[in-house]
C-alpha cells in the first residue's frame, strides 16, 4: 500500500517538534524509496532552531528518524542508518 504523503509530512512535523524541541517552519518532500520491501520517504524540515535549523526526516513504513543537516549534509548515510536497526539504535 502506498504511503499517504500528507500524513507522513504531518507526522514528521510533530516528530521534529517533539524530538528537536523546536518549531517547524516547513516540511518538504525530498525523495521516496523502497528498501527491503519497505516504502519510506526522505523529508527536508526547516525549523526555528538557531544551531540546527534544517533536518532530514526519514520514515514511512519504518519508524521515523531525525538527522541534522549540519551533521549529515547528504541523505546517503541517513538512509543507511534508518534501514539497519542495529546502526540506528547504536548497537553496532
Protein backbone atom coordinates (compact mmCIF):
# COMPACT_ATOMS: atom_id res chain seq x y z
CA UNK A 1 0.00 0.00 0.00
CA UNK A 2 1.35 3.42 -0.98
CA UNK A 3 2.21 5.90 1.73
CA UNK A 4 -0.06 8.88 2.31
CA UNK A 5 2.49 11.65 1.89
CA UNK A 6 0.37 14.30 3.66
CA UNK A 7 0.04 12.06 6.73
CA UNK A 8 3.77 11.31 6.75
CA UNK A 9 4.58 15.02 6.46
CA UNK A 10 2.26 15.86 9.38
CA UNK A 11 3.75 13.07 11.48
CA UNK A 12 7.27 14.34 10.62
CA UNK A 13 6.33 17.86 11.74
CA UNK A 14 5.07 16.58 15.08
CA UNK A 15 8.07 14.28 15.47
CA UNK A 16 10.64 17.04 14.86
CA UNK A 17 8.90 19.46 17.20
CA UNK A 18 8.88 16.82 19.94
CA UNK A 19 12.37 15.37 19.44
CA UNK A 20 14.31 18.50 18.48
CA UNK A 21 12.27 20.74 20.80
CA UNK A 22 11.83 23.42 18.14
CA UNK A 23 9.13 24.91 15.95
CA UNK A 24 8.80 23.60 12.39
CA UNK A 25 8.56 26.22 9.66
CA UNK A 26 8.22 23.87 6.67
CA UNK A 27 8.29 20.22 5.60
CA UNK A 28 9.26 19.41 2.02
CA UNK A 29 9.25 16.09 0.22
CA UNK A 30 12.75 15.14 -0.98
CA UNK A 31 12.74 11.50 -2.09
CA UNK A 32 10.73 8.26 -1.97
CA UNK A 33 12.49 4.90 -1.86
CA UNK A 34 11.87 1.22 -1.21
CA UNK A 35 14.45 -0.83 0.66
CA UNK A 36 13.98 -4.41 1.83
CA UNK A 37 10.34 -4.25 0.71
CA UNK A 38 9.52 -1.20 2.86
CA UNK A 39 8.50 2.14 1.43
CA UNK A 40 9.90 5.25 3.09
CA UNK A 41 10.38 8.90 2.27
CA UNK A 42 13.06 11.46 2.95
CA UNK A 43 11.73 14.85 4.02
CA UNK A 44 13.60 18.13 4.44
CA UNK A 45 12.39 20.01 7.52
CA UNK A 46 13.24 23.64 8.29
CA UNK A 47 12.89 24.84 11.90
CA UNK A 48 13.40 27.95 14.04
CA UNK A 49 16.39 26.40 15.84
CA UNK A 50 19.47 28.64 15.56
CA UNK A 51 22.11 25.89 15.82
CA UNK A 52 20.37 23.19 13.75
CA UNK A 53 17.70 24.82 11.60
CA UNK A 54 17.50 22.08 8.94
CA UNK A 55 16.79 18.38 9.39
CA UNK A 56 16.36 15.23 7.34
CA UNK A 57 13.47 13.04 8.47
CA UNK A 58 13.28 9.51 7.13
CA UNK A 59 10.35 7.21 7.70
CA UNK A 60 7.02 5.95 6.49
CA UNK A 61 6.59 2.22 6.79
CA UNK A 62 9.51 2.16 9.22
CA UNK A 63 9.86 4.27 12.39
CA UNK A 64 10.91 7.87 11.81
CA UNK A 65 14.47 9.01 12.29
CA UNK A 66 15.79 12.54 12.52
CA UNK A 67 19.19 13.78 11.28
CA UNK A 68 20.63 17.29 11.46
CA UNK A 69 21.85 18.50 8.08
CA UNK A 70 24.79 20.09 9.94
CA UNK A 71 25.99 16.60 10.89
CA UNK A 72 24.61 14.80 7.79
CA UNK A 73 24.76 17.18 4.80
CA UNK A 74 23.59 14.44 2.41
CA UNK A 75 20.94 11.77 2.78
CA UNK A 76 23.06 8.70 1.95
CA UNK A 77 24.26 7.92 5.47
CA UNK A 78 20.85 8.80 6.90
CA UNK A 79 19.07 6.28 4.68
CA UNK A 80 21.54 3.54 5.58
CA UNK A 81 21.28 4.25 9.30
CA UNK A 82 17.47 4.25 9.13
CA UNK A 83 17.40 0.96 7.25
CA UNK A 84 19.62 -1.01 9.60
CA UNK A 85 18.13 -1.20 13.14
CA UNK A 86 21.47 -2.06 14.78
CA UNK A 87 23.07 1.08 13.36
CA UNK A 88 20.09 3.35 14.06
CA UNK A 89 19.81 2.11 17.64
CA UNK A 90 23.54 2.42 18.30
CA UNK A 91 24.03 -1.34 18.76
CA UNK A 92 26.68 -1.79 16.09
